[in-house]
Amino acid sequence: MAIQTYGMVIENRNVKSNYYLLEIDAPSIARQIQPGEFVMVQTARGNDPILKRPFSVFEAYPDQAADIEKRGHLSLLYKKVGKGTGKMTELVKGQKVDLIGPLGRGFRLPSPPFSPKAVLVGGGMGIVSLYPLVKSLDPRNVTVFIGGKSESDILCAEDFKARGAEVWISTEDGSLGSRGTVIELFVSMQKTMVSPSLSHLYACGPLPMLKALARKVRPAKWVCEVSLEARMGCGFGACWGCVVKTKNSKAPYQRVCKEGPVFSLEEIDWRSL
C-alpha cells in the first residue's frame, strides 16, 4: 500500500560522472517495496520544482535485513540530468525528504522453491530497476547484460558481481566490454543460454532498446517482462499523463505508473511507440 511519508537523508554522494546515490531512512516504504516498484520524491525544498519525480529503488533494507544499521533505509541511484535531479544532488544528511511509495506494479517472481535461470537486460539507468531482482532470485542462476553509450554510463556491474551473478557489458563506443548495443550482445549469446530451465527475462532501458528487444525475442516459452520509463505527473494514476498503448482490446491505453511500470513484453503495442 502506497503511503506519503517524510524520510531522512542518510547519505547523498557522487558515485561517478553525473550519477549519485541517495540513501534515505524511510522504514514504512522500505519494509514493503518489491522489485520493479518505484517511489515519487520531492527533489528540493519548497515548490520548485513543484512535481515529485519518479525513481526506481536501487536497494531496500526491510525490518529483517541482515545489516542492522541499514534497516528501514532505501537507496536511489539517479542521474543528474535536469533541474529536479540537479536540486536533488543538494540534499544533505539529516534533511527531510517528502516521498510516496511503493508505487506501480513490479516484476513477477518465480514461485518458490523453483529457482530458474534468469536473464536481466538493462540499458543506462534501466539497470537500476533490475538490481533488486538479484535478491529475489538465485544469483548463481542470473546472467546480466548491461549496456551504455560509453564506460561512464555502465552502472551496477560490480554490485551484480558481488552478489554472484554473471555479468556481460557492452558500450556503443567500445570503451568497455563489447562494442555495440546491449541488445546486439544479448542476441549474439542468446542461443548459448537456451535451456529447459531458462524461463525468465527481465529488461529495462530506453524505449528504442526495448523495441529492439521485442523484435528479437519470442516470448512464448519465457516469462518476458519489461519495465517502462516515462514522465509522470502524479505517480499513482490520477493524471493519466503516462499512458502506453497495449494490445488489450477492452482497455488499450494503460498507465505506466499504475498498471505498470512492468508489463509483459508481448502485451505492449510496440508499433505505436
Protein backbone atom coordinates (compact mmCIF):
# COMPACT_ATOMS: atom_id res chain seq x y z
CA MET A 1 0.00 0.00 0.00
CA ALA A 2 1.42 3.35 -1.05
CA ILE A 3 1.89 5.96 1.63
CA GLN A 4 3.17 9.52 1.82
CA THR A 5 5.96 9.94 4.33
CA TYR A 6 8.93 12.10 5.26
CA GLY A 7 12.20 10.24 5.16
CA MET A 8 15.55 11.48 6.41
CA VAL A 9 18.65 11.70 4.24
CA ILE A 10 21.41 9.39 5.47
CA GLU A 11 23.83 9.98 2.61
CA ASN A 12 23.86 11.62 -0.81
CA ARG A 13 27.11 11.06 -2.68
CA ASN A 14 28.51 11.20 -6.17
CA VAL A 15 29.20 7.69 -7.49
CA LYS A 16 30.69 8.50 -10.89
CA SER A 17 30.31 11.18 -13.53
CA ASN A 18 26.75 12.56 -13.17
CA TYR A 19 25.47 9.62 -11.14
CA TYR A 20 24.57 9.87 -7.43
CA LEU A 21 23.43 7.53 -4.67
CA LEU A 22 20.84 8.86 -2.22
CA GLU A 23 20.16 6.83 0.92
CA ILE A 24 17.02 7.66 2.89
CA ASP A 25 15.66 6.40 6.21
CA ALA A 26 12.04 5.57 5.28
CA PRO A 27 11.04 2.35 7.08
CA SER A 28 7.35 2.46 6.14
CA ILE A 29 8.32 2.14 2.47
CA ALA A 30 11.49 0.06 2.82
CA ARG A 31 9.66 -2.74 4.61
CA GLN A 32 7.15 -3.33 1.80
CA ILE A 33 8.64 -2.33 -1.55
CA GLN A 34 9.09 -5.08 -4.14
CA PRO A 35 11.41 -5.37 -7.19
CA GLY A 36 10.21 -3.14 -10.01
CA GLU A 37 8.15 -0.78 -7.87
CA PHE A 38 9.14 2.88 -7.51
CA VAL A 39 8.78 6.00 -5.37
CA MET A 40 7.92 9.62 -6.11
CA VAL A 41 10.34 12.07 -4.48
CA GLN A 42 10.17 15.81 -3.84
CA THR A 43 13.63 16.65 -5.11
CA ALA A 44 14.02 20.03 -3.38
CA ARG A 45 12.65 22.15 -0.57
CA GLY A 46 9.67 24.35 -1.42
CA ASN A 47 7.71 24.19 -4.65
CA ASP A 48 10.44 24.50 -7.27
CA PRO A 49 10.09 22.09 -8.96
CA ILE A 50 6.53 21.55 -7.78
CA LEU A 51 6.06 17.98 -9.03
CA LYS A 52 7.69 14.95 -7.47
CA ARG A 53 9.94 12.81 -9.66
CA PRO A 54 9.73 9.01 -10.10
CA PHE A 55 12.73 6.89 -9.10
CA SER A 56 13.32 3.15 -9.11
CA VAL A 57 14.50 1.86 -5.76
CA PHE A 58 18.04 0.56 -6.10
CA GLU A 59 18.14 -1.20 -2.75
CA ALA A 60 15.82 -1.51 0.23
CA TYR A 61 16.50 -2.81 3.73
CA PRO A 62 13.34 -4.12 5.45
CA ASP A 63 12.98 -4.72 9.17
CA GLN A 64 14.64 -8.14 8.98
CA ALA A 65 17.64 -7.06 6.86
CA ALA A 66 20.95 -8.65 7.85
CA ASP A 67 22.63 -5.23 8.04
CA ILE A 68 21.05 -3.96 11.25
CA GLU A 69 22.31 -0.40 10.83
CA LYS A 70 20.58 -0.09 7.45
CA ARG A 71 17.20 -1.48 8.45
CA GLY A 72 14.46 0.85 7.28
CA HIS A 73 16.67 2.50 4.67
CA LEU A 74 16.23 2.64 0.91
CA SER A 75 18.65 3.94 -1.70
CA LEU A 76 18.07 5.64 -5.05
CA LEU A 77 20.72 5.58 -7.76
CA TYR A 78 19.99 8.55 -10.02
CA LYS A 79 21.49 10.69 -12.75
CA LYS A 80 21.75 14.47 -12.70
CA VAL A 81 20.02 15.45 -15.94
CA GLY A 82 17.83 18.49 -15.27
CA LYS A 83 16.51 20.95 -12.73
CA GLY A 84 14.85 18.38 -10.47
CA THR A 85 17.77 15.98 -10.19
CA GLY A 86 20.13 18.96 -10.02
CA LYS A 87 18.33 20.13 -6.88
CA MET A 88 18.35 16.57 -5.62
CA THR A 89 22.15 16.50 -5.55
CA GLU A 90 21.99 19.31 -2.96
CA LEU A 91 20.13 17.19 -0.37
CA VAL A 92 22.29 16.75 2.73
CA LYS A 93 22.48 14.36 5.67
CA GLY A 94 19.70 14.92 8.20
CA GLN A 95 17.41 16.73 5.76
CA LYS A 96 13.79 15.59 5.46
CA VAL A 97 12.53 14.32 2.12
CA ASP A 98 8.88 14.07 1.06
CA LEU A 99 8.21 10.81 -0.80
CA ILE A 100 5.38 8.48 -1.77
CA GLY A 101 5.63 4.74 -2.29
CA PRO A 102 5.69 1.93 -3.04
CA LEU A 103 4.05 2.69 -6.39
CA GLY A 104 3.32 0.71 -9.53
CA ARG A 105 3.27 -2.96 -10.42
CA GLY A 106 6.56 -4.76 -10.05
CA PHE A 107 8.08 -7.87 -11.60
CA ARG A 108 6.53 -11.30 -11.38
CA LEU A 109 8.84 -13.60 -9.48
CA PRO A 110 9.16 -17.39 -9.73
CA SER A 111 7.20 -19.24 -7.09
CA PRO A 112 9.49 -20.84 -4.50
CA PRO A 113 11.18 -23.27 -4.31
CA PHE A 114 11.58 -23.01 -8.11
CA SER A 115 14.75 -21.07 -8.97
CA PRO A 116 15.08 -20.86 -12.76
CA LYS A 117 17.83 -19.36 -14.81
CA ALA A 118 17.01 -15.71 -15.47
CA VAL A 119 18.37 -13.06 -17.79
CA LEU A 120 18.40 -9.34 -16.95
CA VAL A 121 18.95 -6.82 -19.75
CA GLY A 122 19.50 -3.21 -18.72
CA GLY A 123 20.40 -0.12 -20.67
CA GLY A 124 21.71 3.01 -18.94
CA MET A 125 19.67 3.89 -15.86
CA GLY A 126 17.35 0.97 -16.62
CA ILE A 127 19.70 -1.41 -14.86
CA VAL A 128 18.79 0.24 -11.53
CA SER A 129 15.25 -1.15 -11.51
CA LEU A 130 16.61 -4.64 -12.26
CA TYR A 131 19.13 -4.78 -9.43
CA PRO A 132 16.60 -5.64 -6.67
CA LEU A 133 15.77 -8.84 -8.58
CA VAL A 134 19.14 -10.32 -7.70
CA LYS A 135 17.99 -10.53 -4.07
CA SER A 136 14.81 -12.37 -5.05
CA LEU A 137 16.46 -14.84 -7.44
CA ASP A 138 19.34 -17.24 -7.01
CA PRO A 139 22.20 -15.03 -8.27
CA ARG A 140 24.12 -18.12 -9.40
CA ASN A 141 21.36 -18.61 -11.99
CA VAL A 142 21.29 -14.98 -13.14
CA THR A 143 23.01 -13.60 -16.24
CA VAL A 144 23.08 -9.81 -16.53
CA PHE A 145 23.62 -7.76 -19.68
CA ILE A 146 24.47 -4.11 -19.04
CA GLY A 147 24.74 -1.53 -21.79
CA GLY A 148 25.50 2.15 -22.19
CA LYS A 149 26.85 4.70 -24.63
CA SER A 150 30.29 4.66 -23.00
CA GLU A 151 32.14 3.35 -19.97
CA SER A 152 30.88 6.24 -17.82
CA ASP A 153 27.29 5.05 -18.37
CA ILE A 154 27.85 1.50 -17.12
CA LEU A 155 26.25 1.07 -13.71
CA CYS A 156 25.91 -1.67 -11.09
CA ALA A 157 28.27 -4.16 -12.74
CA GLU A 158 30.34 -4.68 -9.60
CA ASP A 159 27.20 -4.83 -7.44
CA PHE A 160 25.82 -7.71 -9.51
CA LYS A 161 29.18 -9.48 -9.48
CA ALA A 162 29.42 -9.13 -5.71
CA ARG A 163 26.09 -10.96 -5.45
CA GLY A 164 27.39 -13.81 -7.60
CA ALA A 165 25.66 -13.04 -10.91
CA GLU A 166 27.31 -13.45 -14.31
CA VAL A 167 27.78 -10.05 -15.95
CA TRP A 168 28.31 -9.06 -19.58
CA ILE A 169 28.90 -5.47 -20.69
CA SER A 170 28.57 -3.58 -23.96
CA THR A 171 29.20 0.04 -24.87
CA GLU A 172 28.27 1.73 -28.12
CA ASP A 173 31.73 3.32 -28.42
CA GLY A 174 33.59 0.17 -27.36
CA SER A 175 35.20 1.84 -24.34
CA LEU A 176 34.21 -1.09 -22.10
CA GLY A 177 33.18 -4.63 -22.92
CA SER A 178 31.82 -5.44 -26.37
CA ARG A 179 31.26 -2.71 -28.94
CA GLY A 180 27.60 -2.24 -29.85
CA THR A 181 24.25 -2.16 -28.15
CA VAL A 182 23.26 -4.35 -25.23
CA ILE A 183 20.57 -5.98 -27.39
CA GLU A 184 23.15 -6.94 -30.00
CA LEU A 185 25.26 -8.52 -27.27
CA PHE A 186 22.27 -10.36 -25.81
CA VAL A 187 21.19 -11.68 -29.22
CA SER A 188 24.71 -12.88 -30.02
CA MET A 189 24.69 -15.00 -26.86
CA GLN A 190 21.04 -15.98 -26.76
CA LYS A 191 21.47 -19.41 -28.33
CA THR A 192 24.14 -20.42 -25.83
CA MET A 193 21.81 -19.58 -22.94
CA VAL A 194 18.74 -21.53 -24.08
CA SER A 195 17.95 -24.40 -21.74
CA PRO A 196 14.85 -26.03 -20.24
CA SER A 197 15.38 -24.09 -17.01
CA LEU A 198 15.70 -20.68 -18.72
CA SER A 199 12.27 -19.18 -18.20
CA HIS A 200 12.52 -15.53 -17.14
CA LEU A 201 13.72 -12.45 -18.98
CA TYR A 202 13.55 -9.03 -17.34
CA ALA A 203 14.52 -5.79 -19.10
CA CYS A 204 14.53 -2.05 -18.58
CA GLY A 205 16.04 0.80 -20.53
CA PRO A 206 15.39 3.43 -23.19
CA LEU A 207 12.41 2.85 -25.48
CA PRO A 208 14.49 2.10 -28.63
CA MET A 209 16.31 -0.62 -26.67
CA LEU A 210 13.07 -2.27 -25.58
CA LYS A 211 11.59 -2.07 -29.08
CA ALA A 212 14.71 -3.79 -30.43
CA LEU A 213 14.34 -6.48 -27.77
CA ALA A 214 10.69 -7.03 -28.72
CA ARG A 215 11.74 -7.65 -32.34
CA LYS A 216 14.34 -10.23 -31.32
CA VAL A 217 12.65 -12.25 -28.57
CA ARG A 218 9.91 -14.84 -28.97
CA PRO A 219 8.28 -14.88 -25.52
CA ALA A 220 6.11 -17.99 -26.00
CA LYS A 221 8.27 -20.14 -23.72
CA TRP A 222 9.53 -17.41 -21.42
CA VAL A 223 8.18 -15.01 -18.87
CA CYS A 224 9.36 -11.82 -20.58
CA GLU A 225 8.75 -8.59 -18.70
CA VAL A 226 9.88 -5.04 -19.36
CA SER A 227 9.84 -2.01 -17.09
CA LEU A 228 8.95 1.15 -19.00
CA GLU A 229 10.42 4.57 -18.30
CA ALA A 230 8.03 7.53 -18.58
CA ARG A 231 7.49 11.10 -17.45
CA MET A 232 4.92 11.15 -14.66
CA GLY A 233 2.78 13.89 -13.17
CA CYS A 234 1.37 12.15 -10.10
CA GLY A 235 2.73 8.59 -9.97
CA PHE A 236 -0.48 6.91 -8.86
CA GLY A 237 -2.79 7.02 -11.88
CA ALA A 238 -4.84 10.16 -11.35
CA CYS A 239 -3.50 12.39 -14.13
CA TRP A 240 -3.27 9.85 -17.00
CA GLY A 241 -0.10 11.56 -18.17
CA CYS A 242 1.98 8.42 -18.75
CA VAL A 243 -0.24 6.15 -20.84
CA VAL A 244 1.08 3.50 -23.20
CA LYS A 245 -0.88 1.61 -25.85
CA THR A 246 -1.29 -2.11 -25.28
CA LYS A 247 -2.94 -4.98 -27.13
CA ASN A 248 -5.74 -5.15 -24.55
CA SER A 249 -8.86 -4.63 -26.67
CA LYS A 250 -11.01 -3.61 -23.69
CA ALA A 251 -8.52 -1.14 -22.18
CA PRO A 252 -5.82 -0.44 -24.77
CA TYR A 253 -4.37 2.61 -23.03
CA GLN A 254 -2.81 1.78 -19.69
CA ARG A 255 -0.86 3.89 -17.23
CA VAL A 256 2.84 3.23 -16.75
CA CYS A 257 2.59 4.39 -13.13
CA LYS A 258 -0.44 2.27 -12.22
CA GLU A 259 -0.84 -0.78 -14.48
CA GLY A 260 2.95 -0.68 -14.96
CA PRO A 261 5.75 0.19 -14.94
CA VAL A 262 6.26 -3.54 -15.53
CA PHE A 263 4.40 -5.07 -18.46
CA SER A 264 4.62 -8.35 -20.30
CA LEU A 265 6.79 -7.85 -23.38
CA GLU A 266 4.07 -9.13 -25.68
CA GLU A 267 1.22 -7.03 -24.28
CA ILE A 268 2.71 -3.71 -25.45
CA ASP A 269 1.74 -2.37 -28.88
CA TRP A 270 5.31 -1.60 -29.90
CA ARG A 271 4.22 -0.24 -33.32
CA SER A 272 2.58 2.72 -31.58
CA LEU A 273 5.76 3.75 -29.76
